[in-house]
Every structure is written in structure tokens, then in C-alpha cells.
């Protein structure tokens, strides 16, 4: 579980996301981008233009599992993602995330 970053190595723009299975969500994003179906149209456009070799995918933070097997991590992940988005401000010329209204 954690927070991941997709970075455009040409222009430095980043996309921040989260996932319960962070490696799985990165693999899913790679698949979607490769097949032209990623939900973020601006990221998809740049991926098509610059090519796979100009993007990096990395986990930037992890959530440690709790002892309770029924614990719901969704709020913790959302809060951690919000912290990273506030810190990195991946909007406009700096990134692909959309600011919350």
C-alpha cells in the first residue's frame, strides 16, 4: 500500500496516485498508458508523444500494515496522498493532477 509517482523525464511533470497494491496499480497504469486508455488525458497525450522510455514509475511512500486484518486503509491512503500532493503541487506546468475545487 502506498503512494506512487509517474514522472515525465522530458518536462519534469509528475502524476501522484495511490493504491492498496501499489505495484499492481503501477502495472495497471503502465498497461493503460501503453494501450491509450489512461483516465488522465493529458498524461496519456504526453506518454504517446514522448514515449515509454521518457517516463519513470516509482513508489514514493508506503503505508505499514496494521495488526487488524479488517482495517480499512482507504482514509489513511487518501490522507497520505493529500500530503504528497500538497508537498509536490503536481498541477499545471508541474504535473498532471487536477487541483481539488
Protein backbone atom coordinates (compact mmCIF):
# COMPACT_ATOMS: atom_id res chain seq x y z
CA UNK A 1 0.00 0.00 0.00
CA UNK A 2 1.29 3.40 -0.80
CA UNK A 3 1.78 6.43 -2.97
CA UNK A 4 3.34 6.35 -6.42
CA UNK A 5 4.66 8.87 -8.90
CA UNK A 6 4.74 8.80 -12.68
CA UNK A 7 7.33 11.28 -13.92
CA UNK A 8 7.82 12.69 -17.40
CA UNK A 9 11.61 12.76 -17.75
CA UNK A 10 11.46 15.33 -20.58
CA UNK A 11 9.47 18.12 -18.94
CA UNK A 12 9.54 17.06 -15.26
CA UNK A 13 5.75 16.87 -14.90
CA UNK A 14 4.50 14.31 -12.39
CA UNK A 15 1.34 12.40 -11.58
CA UNK A 16 0.71 11.30 -7.99
CA UNK A 17 -1.58 8.38 -7.19
CA UNK A 18 -2.30 5.81 -4.50
CA UNK A 19 -3.12 2.14 -4.25
CA UNK A 20 -3.74 -0.69 -1.83
CA UNK A 21 -1.49 -2.77 -4.07
CA UNK A 22 0.87 -0.02 -5.21
CA UNK A 23 2.94 -2.25 -7.52
CA UNK A 24 -0.28 -3.55 -9.07
CA UNK A 25 -1.61 -0.04 -9.66
CA UNK A 26 1.69 0.98 -11.27
CA UNK A 27 1.49 -2.06 -13.57
CA UNK A 28 -2.11 -1.14 -14.40
CA UNK A 29 -1.11 2.48 -15.19
CA UNK A 30 1.70 1.23 -17.46
CA UNK A 31 -0.73 -1.05 -19.28
CA UNK A 32 -3.33 1.70 -19.68
CA UNK A 33 -0.75 4.19 -20.95
CA UNK A 34 0.70 1.67 -23.40
CA UNK A 35 -2.77 0.95 -24.78
CA UNK A 36 -4.01 4.55 -24.86
CA UNK A 37 -6.67 4.14 -22.18
CA UNK A 38 -5.37 6.02 -19.14
CA UNK A 39 -8.04 8.17 -17.49
CA UNK A 40 -5.75 11.22 -17.32
CA UNK A 41 -5.90 12.54 -20.89
CA UNK A 42 -3.00 15.00 -20.52
CA UNK A 43 -0.69 12.30 -19.16
CA UNK A 44 -1.86 9.94 -21.89
CA UNK A 45 -1.15 12.54 -24.59
CA UNK A 46 2.38 13.20 -23.31
CA UNK A 47 3.06 9.48 -22.93
CA UNK A 48 2.11 8.92 -26.55
CA UNK A 49 4.16 11.93 -27.69
CA UNK A 50 7.36 11.34 -25.66
CA UNK A 51 7.25 7.54 -25.46
CA UNK A 52 7.54 5.00 -22.68
CA UNK A 53 11.31 5.47 -22.34
CA UNK A 54 10.77 9.05 -21.14
CA UNK A 55 8.64 8.15 -18.12
CA UNK A 56 9.60 6.73 -14.74
CA UNK A 57 7.32 4.94 -12.29
CA UNK A 58 8.21 4.78 -8.63
CA UNK A 59 6.75 4.22 -5.20
CA UNK A 60 7.42 7.32 -3.11
CA UNK A 61 5.80 6.25 0.19
CA UNK A 62 4.40 3.14 1.84
CA UNK A 63 1.77 2.54 4.50
CA UNK A 64 2.69 -0.02 7.13
CA UNK A 65 0.06 -2.71 7.64
CA UNK A 66 -1.88 -2.80 10.91
CA UNK A 67 -2.30 -5.90 13.05
CA UNK A 68 -6.07 -5.83 12.47
CA UNK A 69 -6.71 -7.79 9.23
CA UNK A 70 -10.06 -5.97 8.77
CA UNK A 71 -8.57 -2.47 9.00
CA UNK A 72 -9.78 -0.13 6.22
CA UNK A 73 -6.79 1.74 4.78
CA UNK A 74 -8.72 3.94 2.36
CA UNK A 75 -8.71 7.05 4.60
CA UNK A 76 -5.05 6.60 5.52
CA UNK A 77 -4.09 6.29 1.85
CA UNK A 78 -6.18 9.32 0.88
CA UNK A 79 -4.54 11.40 3.64
CA UNK A 80 -1.05 10.27 2.65
CA UNK A 81 -1.78 11.08 -0.99
CA UNK A 82 -3.05 14.52 0.00
CA UNK A 83 0.16 15.18 1.95
CA UNK A 84 2.28 14.32 -1.11
CA UNK A 85 0.09 16.37 -3.45
CA UNK A 86 0.36 19.39 -1.13
CA UNK A 87 4.12 18.90 -0.92
CA UNK A 88 4.81 18.40 -4.64
CA UNK A 89 1.98 20.52 -6.11
CA UNK A 90 1.68 18.44 -9.32
CA UNK A 91 -0.57 20.88 -11.18
CA UNK A 92 -0.33 22.85 -14.41
CA UNK A 93 3.27 23.07 -15.63
CA UNK A 94 4.41 20.90 -12.71
CA UNK A 95 2.13 17.93 -13.11
CA UNK A 96 -0.88 16.00 -14.30
CA UNK A 97 -3.05 16.01 -11.18
CA UNK A 98 -6.06 18.29 -11.08
CA UNK A 99 -6.48 20.68 -8.13
CA UNK A 100 -9.47 19.99 -5.91
CA UNK A 101 -12.09 22.74 -6.07
